[in-house]
Protein backbone atom coordinates (compact mmCIF):
# COMPACT_ATOMS: atom_id res chain seq x y z
CA MET A 1 96.87 101.40 107.09
CA SER A 2 97.95 99.10 104.28
CA ILE A 3 97.94 100.07 100.62
CA ARG A 4 95.41 97.34 99.98
CA LEU A 5 92.95 98.79 102.49
CA ARG A 6 93.55 102.35 101.27
CA LEU A 7 92.93 101.34 97.64
CA THR A 8 89.77 99.45 98.60
CA LEU A 9 88.44 102.33 100.69
CA LEU A 10 89.22 104.83 97.96
CA TYR A 11 87.53 102.70 95.31
CA SER A 12 84.51 102.13 97.56
CA ALA A 13 84.27 105.83 98.45
CA ILE A 14 84.33 106.85 94.79
CA LEU A 15 81.70 104.25 93.94
CA ALA A 16 79.56 105.29 96.95
CA LEU A 17 79.75 108.94 95.97
CA THR A 18 78.80 108.06 92.39
CA LEU A 19 75.86 105.95 93.51
CA ILE A 20 74.64 108.62 95.93
CA VAL A 21 74.76 111.30 93.26
CA PHE A 22 73.07 109.04 90.70
CA SER A 23 70.40 107.84 93.17
CA THR A 24 69.68 111.37 94.34
CA PHE A 25 69.37 112.57 90.77
CA LEU A 26 67.12 109.63 89.88
CA TYR A 27 64.90 110.13 92.94
CA VAL A 28 64.60 113.89 92.48
CA THR A 29 63.88 113.49 88.77
CA GLN A 30 61.25 110.82 89.37
CA SER A 31 59.65 112.76 92.24
CA ARG A 32 59.53 115.93 90.19
CA ALA A 33 58.09 114.10 87.19
CA THR A 34 55.42 112.44 89.34
CA TYR A 35 54.30 115.63 91.03
CA ASP A 36 54.55 117.65 87.81
CA SER A 37 52.16 115.18 86.18
CA ILE A 38 49.72 115.49 89.11
CA LYS A 39 49.99 119.28 89.09
CA ALA A 40 49.39 119.41 85.34
CA SER A 41 46.30 117.26 85.78
CA LEU A 42 45.02 119.49 88.59
CA VAL A 43 45.58 122.62 86.50
CA ARG A 44 43.60 121.10 83.59
CA GLN A 45 40.80 120.09 85.94
CA ALA A 46 40.72 123.56 87.53
CA ASP A 47 40.67 125.21 84.08
CA GLY A 48 37.79 123.00 83.02
CA THR A 49 35.84 123.67 86.17
CA SER A 50 36.22 127.43 85.95
CA ASN A 51 35.26 127.67 82.26
CA PRO A 52 31.51 128.71 82.05
CA ARG A 53 31.27 127.81 78.37
CA ARG A 54 31.94 124.16 79.09
CA PHE A 55 29.16 124.09 81.71
CA PRO A 56 26.34 126.41 80.55
CA GLY A 57 23.62 127.16 83.01
CA LEU A 58 25.90 126.61 86.00
CA PRO A 59 24.63 129.02 88.67
CA PRO A 60 27.05 131.28 90.38
CA GLN A 61 26.47 129.49 93.63
CA LEU A 62 25.55 125.86 94.05
CA PRO A 63 24.21 125.26 97.53
CA GLY A 64 25.07 121.59 97.59
CA GLU A 65 26.05 119.59 100.60
CA GLY A 66 28.48 121.40 102.62
CA GLY A 67 27.25 124.73 101.24
CA PRO A 68 26.84 127.79 103.37
CA PRO A 69 24.35 127.58 106.24
CA GLY A 70 20.79 128.60 105.44
CA GLY A 71 20.92 127.52 101.79
CA PRO A 72 18.18 125.45 100.26
CA PRO A 73 18.43 121.68 100.69
CA PRO A 74 20.17 119.74 97.93
CA GLU A 75 17.01 118.12 96.64
CA SER A 76 15.41 121.51 96.02
CA ASN A 77 18.29 122.60 93.74
CA PRO A 78 18.62 120.77 90.44
CA PHE A 79 22.29 121.91 90.10
CA SER A 80 23.36 120.58 93.47
CA GLY A 81 26.70 118.71 93.03
CA ALA A 82 27.00 119.65 89.39
CA LEU A 83 30.69 120.64 89.67
CA PRO A 84 32.64 118.57 87.16
CA GLY A 85 35.41 116.25 88.30
CA ARG A 86 36.03 114.95 91.79
CA TRP A 87 37.28 116.59 94.95
CA THR A 88 36.43 120.05 93.68
CA GLN A 89 35.46 123.04 95.78
CA ARG A 90 34.45 126.65 95.10
CA ARG A 91 35.15 129.60 97.33
CA SER A 92 34.37 133.26 97.20
CA LEU A 93 37.26 135.64 96.82
CA ASP A 94 37.29 136.20 100.57
CA GLY A 95 37.65 132.47 101.19
CA THR A 96 34.06 131.49 102.01
CA VAL A 97 33.18 128.00 100.77
CA LEU A 98 30.39 128.19 98.20
CA SER A 99 30.06 124.58 97.03
CA ARG A 100 31.92 121.28 96.66
CA THR A 101 31.49 117.89 95.04
CA PHE A 102 29.67 115.10 96.84
CA ASP A 103 32.81 112.95 97.11
CA LEU A 104 34.22 115.44 99.62
CA GLY A 105 31.37 114.81 102.00
CA ASP A 106 31.89 116.93 105.10
CA VAL A 107 35.53 117.56 104.21
CA THR A 108 36.52 121.09 103.42
CA LEU A 109 39.61 121.56 101.29
CA PRO A 110 41.81 123.92 103.26
CA LEU A 111 43.39 127.10 101.93
CA SER A 112 46.14 128.70 103.93
CA LEU A 113 46.37 132.42 104.48
CA LYS A 114 49.38 132.62 102.26
CA GLY A 115 47.59 130.63 99.61
CA LEU A 116 44.48 132.83 99.85
CA SER A 117 46.63 135.93 99.49
CA THR A 118 48.42 134.45 96.47
CA VAL A 119 45.17 133.44 94.77
CA GLN A 120 43.62 136.84 95.48
CA SER A 121 46.57 138.36 93.62
CA GLY A 122 45.57 136.32 90.58
CA THR A 123 48.12 133.49 90.79
CA GLY A 124 47.49 129.76 91.20
CA TRP A 125 48.60 128.07 94.42
CA PHE A 126 49.64 124.50 95.27
CA GLU A 127 49.74 123.14 98.80
CA THR A 128 49.61 119.79 100.56
CA ALA A 129 47.12 119.01 103.30
CA GLN A 130 45.26 116.15 104.97
CA ALA A 131 41.82 115.29 103.67
CA GLU A 132 39.84 112.20 104.68
CA GLU A 133 42.88 111.05 106.67
CA GLN A 134 45.14 110.97 103.66
CA PRO A 135 47.51 113.48 102.13
CA VAL A 136 46.21 115.41 99.16
CA LEU A 137 47.71 117.95 96.79
CA ILE A 138 45.39 120.96 96.42
CA TYR A 139 45.49 123.46 93.61
CA SER A 140 43.64 126.77 93.97
CA GLN A 141 43.17 129.39 91.28
CA PRO A 142 40.88 132.38 90.71
CA PHE A 143 38.27 132.49 87.93
CA THR A 144 35.43 134.75 86.79
CA ALA A 145 31.95 133.40 87.41
CA GLN A 146 28.96 133.90 85.05
CA ASP A 147 27.72 136.78 87.14
CA GLY A 148 31.07 138.53 86.66
CA SER A 149 32.31 137.95 90.20
CA THR A 150 35.74 136.56 90.91
CA GLN A 151 35.71 133.24 92.72
CA ILE A 152 38.22 130.56 93.67
CA VAL A 153 38.15 126.97 92.48
CA GLN A 154 40.05 124.28 94.37
CA VAL A 155 40.81 120.80 93.07
CA ALA A 156 42.59 118.09 95.04
CA PHE A 157 44.29 114.78 94.29
CA PRO A 158 45.21 112.13 96.88
CA ILE A 159 48.98 111.55 96.84
CA THR A 160 49.11 108.49 99.06
CA GLN A 161 50.08 106.18 96.21
CA PRO A 162 52.68 108.51 94.68
CA GLU A 163 54.23 108.99 98.10
CA GLN A 164 54.26 105.23 98.68
CA TYR A 165 55.84 104.76 95.27
CA LEU A 166 58.49 107.37 96.01
CA LEU A 167 59.09 105.87 99.45
CA ALA A 168 59.55 102.45 97.88
CA LEU A 169 61.88 103.93 95.29
CA ARG A 170 63.88 105.67 98.02
CA THR A 171 64.08 102.46 100.05
CA ILE A 172 65.18 100.44 97.03
CA LEU A 173 67.85 103.00 96.17
CA VAL A 174 69.20 103.14 99.73
CA ILE A 175 69.25 99.37 100.20
CA GLY A 176 70.52 98.76 96.69
CA CYS A 177 73.31 101.32 97.00
CA GLY A 178 74.33 99.91 100.37
CA PHE A 179 74.39 96.37 99.00
CA VAL A 180 76.34 97.43 95.92
CA ILE A 181 78.87 99.35 98.05
CA VAL A 182 79.41 96.36 100.35
CA LEU A 183 79.74 94.06 97.35
CA ALA A 184 82.13 96.50 95.66
CA PHE A 185 84.22 96.73 98.84
CA ALA A 186 84.55 92.95 98.94
CA ALA A 187 85.36 92.77 95.24
CA GLY A 188 87.81 95.65 95.54
CA TRP A 189 89.50 93.93 98.48
CA VAL A 190 89.93 90.72 96.48
CA LEU A 191 91.07 92.51 93.31
CA SER A 192 93.54 94.76 95.14
CA GLY A 193 94.94 91.66 96.83
CA MET A 194 95.44 90.04 93.45
CA VAL A 195 97.06 93.20 92.04
CA LEU A 196 99.34 93.66 95.06
CA ARG A 197 100.31 89.99 95.29
CA PRO A 198 103.50 90.51 93.21
CA ILE A 199 104.44 93.39 95.53
CA HIS A 200 104.04 91.05 98.52
CA ARG A 201 106.32 88.58 96.75
CA ILE A 202 108.86 91.34 96.18
CA THR A 203 108.64 92.26 99.87
CA ARG A 204 109.14 88.66 100.99
CA THR A 205 112.02 88.24 98.56
CA ALA A 206 113.68 91.44 99.82
CA GLN A 207 113.28 90.28 103.42
CA ALA A 208 114.73 86.86 102.59
CA ILE A 209 117.64 88.43 100.73
CA GLY A 210 118.33 90.76 103.64
CA ALA A 211 118.25 87.87 106.11
CA GLU A 212 120.23 85.39 104.00
CA ARG A 213 122.39 87.84 101.98
CA ASP A 214 121.53 85.79 98.91
CA PHE A 215 121.69 88.31 96.08
CA GLY A 216 121.27 85.54 93.53
CA ARG A 217 117.55 85.25 94.22
CA ARG A 218 115.04 86.87 91.87
CA VAL A 219 111.36 87.80 91.95
CA GLN A 220 109.23 85.41 89.91
CA HIS A 221 106.66 87.43 87.93
CA THR A 222 104.58 85.84 85.17
CA GLY A 223 101.93 88.54 84.76
CA PRO A 224 101.71 91.32 82.17
CA THR A 225 104.35 94.00 81.83
CA ASP A 226 102.29 96.62 83.62
CA GLU A 227 103.39 98.89 86.46
CA VAL A 228 103.76 95.92 88.83
CA GLY A 229 105.58 93.95 86.16
CA GLN A 230 107.92 96.88 85.57
CA LEU A 231 108.52 97.02 89.32
CA ALA A 232 109.44 93.34 89.38
CA ILE A 233 111.78 93.77 86.40
CA THR A 234 113.38 96.83 88.00
CA PHE A 235 113.76 94.97 91.29
CA ASN A 236 115.41 92.02 89.55
CA THR A 237 117.73 94.39 87.69
CA MET A 238 118.62 96.07 90.97
CA LEU A 239 119.31 92.66 92.53
CA ALA A 240 121.61 91.78 89.63
CA GLU A 241 123.51 95.03 90.09
CA LEU A 242 123.66 94.48 93.85
CA GLU A 243 124.92 90.96 93.31
CA SER A 244 127.61 92.22 90.95
CA ALA A 245 128.58 95.00 93.35
CA TYR A 246 128.61 92.56 96.27
CA ARG A 247 130.85 90.15 94.34
CA GLN A 248 133.15 92.99 93.39
CA LEU A 249 133.25 94.14 96.99
CA GLU A 250 134.09 90.63 98.14
CA GLN A 251 136.81 90.39 95.52
CA SER A 252 138.10 93.82 96.47
CA LEU A 253 138.20 92.89 100.15
CA ASP A 254 139.94 89.61 99.33
CA SER A 255 142.41 91.47 97.14
CA GLN A 256 143.07 93.98 99.91
CA ARG A 257 143.62 91.22 102.44
CA ARG A 258 146.01 89.44 100.09
CA PHE A 259 147.66 92.76 99.25
CA VAL A 260 148.22 93.59 102.91
CA ALA A 261 149.48 90.10 103.67
CA ASP A 262 151.83 90.06 100.66
CA ALA A 263 153.06 93.61 101.32
CA SER A 264 153.73 92.75 104.95
CA HIS A 265 155.65 89.66 103.89
CA GLU A 266 157.66 91.56 101.28
CA LEU A 267 158.49 94.38 103.67
CA ARG A 268 159.38 92.06 106.51
CA THR A 269 162.18 90.30 104.63
CA PRO A 270 164.40 93.36 103.89
CA LEU A 271 163.61 94.87 107.28
CA THR A 272 164.72 91.64 108.97
CA THR A 273 167.94 91.70 106.92
CA VAL A 274 168.61 95.34 107.83
CA ARG A 275 167.98 94.61 111.50
CA GLY A 276 170.40 91.64 111.40
CA ASN A 277 173.05 93.73 109.69
CA ILE A 278 172.70 96.43 112.34
CA GLU A 279 173.20 93.82 115.04
CA LEU A 280 176.34 92.63 113.23
CA LEU A 281 177.70 96.17 113.07
CA ARG A 282 177.14 96.55 116.85
CA ARG A 283 178.88 93.26 117.70
CA GLU A 284 181.86 93.24 119.97
CA PRO A 285 184.59 92.76 119.07
CA PRO A 286 183.83 94.72 115.86
CA LEU A 287 184.04 93.17 112.43
CA ASP A 288 187.09 93.66 110.28
CA ALA A 289 187.07 96.24 107.49
CA GLN A 290 186.10 93.82 104.70
CA GLU A 291 183.19 92.29 106.62
CA TRP A 292 182.09 95.79 107.67
CA ALA A 293 182.00 96.89 104.02
CA GLU A 294 180.09 93.77 102.96
CA VAL A 295 177.48 94.32 105.70
CA LEU A 296 177.04 97.97 104.70
CA ALA A 297 176.70 97.06 101.00
CA ASP A 298 174.08 94.45 101.84
CA THR A 299 172.20 96.94 104.03
CA LYS A 300 172.30 99.51 101.23
CA ASP A 301 170.85 96.99 98.76
CA GLU A 302 168.01 96.07 101.14
CA VAL A 303 167.17 99.73 101.79
CA GLU A 304 167.05 100.40 98.05
CA ARG A 305 164.80 97.38 97.70
CA LEU A 306 162.54 98.82 100.39
CA ILE A 307 162.41 102.16 98.59
CA ARG A 308 161.44 100.51 95.30
CA LEU A 309 158.80 98.41 97.03
CA VAL A 310 157.25 101.40 98.83
CA HIS A 311 157.24 103.43 95.59
CA GLN A 312 155.46 100.62 93.75
CA LEU A 313 152.94 100.23 96.56
CA LEU A 314 152.18 103.95 96.38
CA VAL A 315 151.59 103.70 92.62
CA LEU A 316 149.19 100.80 93.12
CA ALA A 317 147.40 102.66 95.92
CA ARG A 318 146.85 105.68 93.64
CA VAL A 319 145.47 103.44 90.89
CA ASP A 320 143.20 101.57 93.32
CA ALA A 321 141.93 104.90 94.67
CA GLY A 322 140.66 105.71 91.18
CA GLN A 323 142.88 108.71 90.57
CA SER A 324 142.33 109.59 86.93
CA LEU A 325 145.19 109.96 84.48
CA GLN A 326 145.45 112.90 82.11
CA SER A 327 144.86 111.42 78.65
CA ALA A 328 146.02 113.65 75.85
CA PRO A 329 147.42 113.20 72.32
CA LEU A 330 151.01 112.07 72.81
CA PRO A 331 153.71 111.32 70.17
CA ILE A 332 154.92 107.81 70.89
CA LYS A 333 158.30 108.02 69.10
CA PRO A 334 160.12 110.48 71.41
CA LEU A 335 158.66 108.72 74.46
CA LEU A 336 159.99 105.30 73.44
CA GLU A 337 163.36 106.76 72.43
CA ASP A 338 163.64 108.34 75.88
CA VAL A 339 162.74 105.02 77.54
CA CYS A 340 165.31 103.13 75.49
CA ARG A 341 167.97 105.73 76.25
CA GLN A 342 167.42 105.47 80.00
CA SER A 343 167.40 101.68 79.85
CA ARG A 344 170.72 101.66 77.97
CA LEU A 345 172.23 103.91 80.65
CA LEU A 346 171.12 101.51 83.39
CA ALA A 347 172.37 98.48 81.44
CA PRO A 348 175.14 99.69 79.12
CA GLN A 349 176.33 96.16 78.41
CA ARG A 350 172.90 95.09 77.02
CA THR A 351 171.53 95.46 73.48
CA ILE A 352 168.19 97.33 73.30
CA LEU A 353 166.75 97.86 69.83
CA CYS A 354 164.28 100.72 69.40
CA GLU A 355 164.38 101.66 65.75
CA SER A 356 161.96 102.61 62.96
CA VAL A 357 159.28 103.87 65.36
CA PRO A 358 156.56 105.64 63.33
CA ASP A 359 155.43 109.16 64.15
CA VAL A 360 151.97 108.35 65.54
CA LEU A 361 149.97 109.82 68.36
CA VAL A 362 148.39 107.89 71.20
CA LEU A 363 145.90 108.95 73.86
CA GLY A 364 147.50 108.62 77.25
CA ASP A 365 149.49 110.06 80.13
CA ARG A 366 153.20 110.50 79.34
CA ASP A 367 154.57 109.73 82.82
CA ALA A 368 152.34 106.68 83.24
CA LEU A 369 153.25 105.26 79.83
CA LYS A 370 156.93 105.89 80.46
CA GLN A 371 156.72 103.93 83.69
CA VAL A 372 154.92 101.09 81.89
CA PHE A 373 157.63 100.69 79.23
CA LEU A 374 160.43 101.06 81.78
CA ILE A 375 158.83 98.21 83.75
CA LEU A 376 158.57 96.04 80.63
CA LEU A 377 162.17 96.73 79.61
CA ASP A 378 163.39 96.14 83.17
CA ASN A 379 161.51 92.83 83.25
CA ALA A 380 163.03 91.82 79.91
CA LEU A 381 166.55 92.75 81.13
CA ALA A 382 166.04 90.76 84.31
CA HIS A 383 165.15 87.57 82.44
CA THR A 384 167.49 87.79 79.44
CA SER A 385 171.11 86.72 79.21
CA LEU A 386 173.85 89.29 78.60
CA GLY A 387 174.36 88.44 74.95
CA ALA A 388 170.69 88.48 73.95
CA ALA A 389 168.99 91.47 72.40
CA ILE A 390 165.77 93.18 73.46
CA GLY A 391 163.62 94.95 70.87
CA MET A 392 160.66 97.33 70.75
CA THR A 393 158.34 97.60 67.76
CA VAL A 394 155.37 99.87 67.04
CA VAL A 395 152.49 99.22 64.63
CA ALA A 396 149.50 101.53 64.05
CA ALA A 397 146.31 100.15 62.49
CA GLU A 398 142.52 100.60 62.75
CA GLY A 399 142.66 103.37 65.31
CA ARG A 400 144.94 101.46 67.69
CA VAL A 401 148.69 101.60 68.33
CA VAL A 402 150.39 98.32 69.27
CA ILE A 403 153.76 98.50 71.08
CA SER A 404 155.61 95.21 71.60
CA VAL A 405 158.59 94.47 73.88
CA ARG A 406 160.32 91.28 72.80
CA ASP A 407 163.09 89.35 74.56
CA THR A 408 164.84 86.04 73.95
CA GLY A 409 165.17 85.06 77.57
CA VAL A 410 164.14 82.02 79.57
CA GLY A 411 160.43 82.52 78.85
CA ILE A 412 157.47 81.89 81.13
CA ALA A 413 156.07 78.49 82.05
CA PRO A 414 152.50 77.82 80.77
CA ASP A 415 151.14 77.35 84.31
CA ALA A 416 152.55 80.75 85.30
CA LEU A 417 151.10 82.76 82.38
CA PRO A 418 147.59 83.25 83.91
CA HIS A 419 149.19 84.73 87.06
CA ILE A 420 151.93 86.86 85.57
CA PHE A 421 150.05 90.15 86.18
CA GLU A 422 148.98 89.30 89.75
CA ARG A 423 150.45 91.34 92.56
CA PHE A 424 153.50 89.87 94.32
CA TYR A 425 153.51 86.91 91.97
CA ARG A 426 156.97 85.72 91.03
CA GLY A 427 156.99 82.55 89.02
CA GLN A 428 160.78 82.28 88.97
CA VAL A 429 163.70 84.23 90.37
CA SER A 430 165.02 86.84 87.96
CA ARG A 431 168.64 87.05 86.98
CA SER A 432 169.09 90.19 89.05
CA GLY A 433 167.26 88.75 92.05
CA ARG A 434 165.74 92.14 92.87
CA GLY A 435 162.15 91.67 91.65
CA THR A 436 159.22 92.47 93.95
CA GLY A 437 156.39 90.90 91.97
CA LEU A 438 154.66 94.29 91.56
CA GLY A 439 156.10 95.66 88.33
CA LEU A 440 153.85 93.86 85.85
CA SER A 441 150.81 94.47 88.10
CA ILE A 442 151.55 98.19 88.03
CA ALA A 443 151.99 98.11 84.25
CA LYS A 444 148.64 96.38 83.79
CA GLU A 445 146.81 98.82 86.09
CA LEU A 446 148.31 101.87 84.35
CA VAL A 447 147.56 100.60 80.84
CA GLU A 448 143.96 99.72 81.64
CA ALA A 449 143.48 103.10 83.33
CA GLN A 450 144.20 104.63 79.90
CA GLU A 451 141.67 102.40 78.09
CA GLY A 452 144.43 100.15 76.78
CA THR A 453 145.25 96.45 77.03
CA ILE A 454 148.38 94.48 77.84
CA MET A 455 149.00 90.84 76.91
CA VAL A 456 151.89 88.39 77.00
CA GLU A 457 152.95 85.50 74.80
CA SER A 458 155.82 83.30 75.88
CA GLN A 459 157.59 80.03 75.20
CA VAL A 460 160.01 78.44 77.61
CA GLU A 461 163.68 78.96 76.65
CA GLN A 462 162.63 81.04 73.61
CA GLY A 463 161.54 84.31 75.14
CA SER A 464 158.46 86.44 75.73
CA VAL A 465 156.55 89.21 73.96
CA PHE A 466 154.60 91.80 75.98
CA THR A 467 152.10 93.70 73.81
CA VAL A 468 150.53 97.03 74.85
CA THR A 469 147.61 98.34 72.77
CA LEU A 470 146.60 102.00 73.13
CA PRO A 471 143.96 104.16 71.41
CA GLN A 472 145.36 106.23 68.57
CA ALA A 473 144.89 109.98 68.54
CA MET A 474 144.22 111.82 65.33
CA GLY A 475 146.81 114.46 64.52
């Protein structure tokens, strides 16, 4: 069952219940008011009939028409038919009819046994009966006659018209309620369709997106910002997030495919060299001692290259896996002095300047930052001539610490600058010839993992400046 049908049925059921309760209350109230008015009139008539002071000279028994057998004829009794009102009848306390008005003719107003017993106990009694082929409401009550005896007076009122009126009212209420319910169901069906139309659009849009994988589509909603409008806005927001996630996933998959392809290519070259060298060592007749030493030295260099490449790939894999780094307040001066010292040991013939470093604290991971600056210094050494100097400077300002690594080497071509931090990108062969194209990528990943930034400025034949900006920690 659809939401539209459920809402319409619920609305119609509530309306039907309300109409039934209201109609029942109206009918019962009107019926009670009608009969209460008739009963009040009958009580007044019965009181007037049974009051001897209002009708002086009224004999205790009027043998009018319909009187007890053996009584004198009506014309011989001057009080025959003198009961006031219409449809009035007198009985003795035991129930014997004493007299009645002429309008009753031969009709005797009935009195049930229960009614007789009630009246004999001194209480008035209402009952409905048929008289002259029409329903009448009869009221009976005891009274004291002029002779001191207790008698019963009965007055009746035809209720054909009130019953017809109530029947018409009941018919109008039933037909009217039914018509209103049907009309309300139709109106509710139309209104619920209008209210749910944006939801249908959202459903169709979701189905189209699922079939076409077009996350750029949006739900068009021009109505008010009600619950349905909020749903449309939320759905569009979700689509935007899905589109962004889908694009990131595509980029990630593309990056992984390129990474695997580049890593396979980089690993294949030294492995092919090692395999060729092994074949040379197994050749018969064997190589002489000098060639043997050259082949072994070349094999050693390729194995070391493989080790460096695998280590760098592992670092990138850890960063890509989202392994968090331990950021803590870290003094930058001893870290940079340690990096410069190690770099001087690896390249004793080179000039590395690391002086006047201020005592400031940065937020970061010591091992990760050390690797970053070793990569930057190694990159500077690889692209700088033997006589040129390499310097490191540190500036702290506005809650950030800026560390710069400057060289006066060959520089970077303008077309290569946008790609310098891409994995396996090597714009030009370094002086050492041992680059893998992963160092700067690793440095960028590690810096950004510590909420820092890394940038490069370079001019061809004048050198390059790599700038790392890190958040400053308060001491």
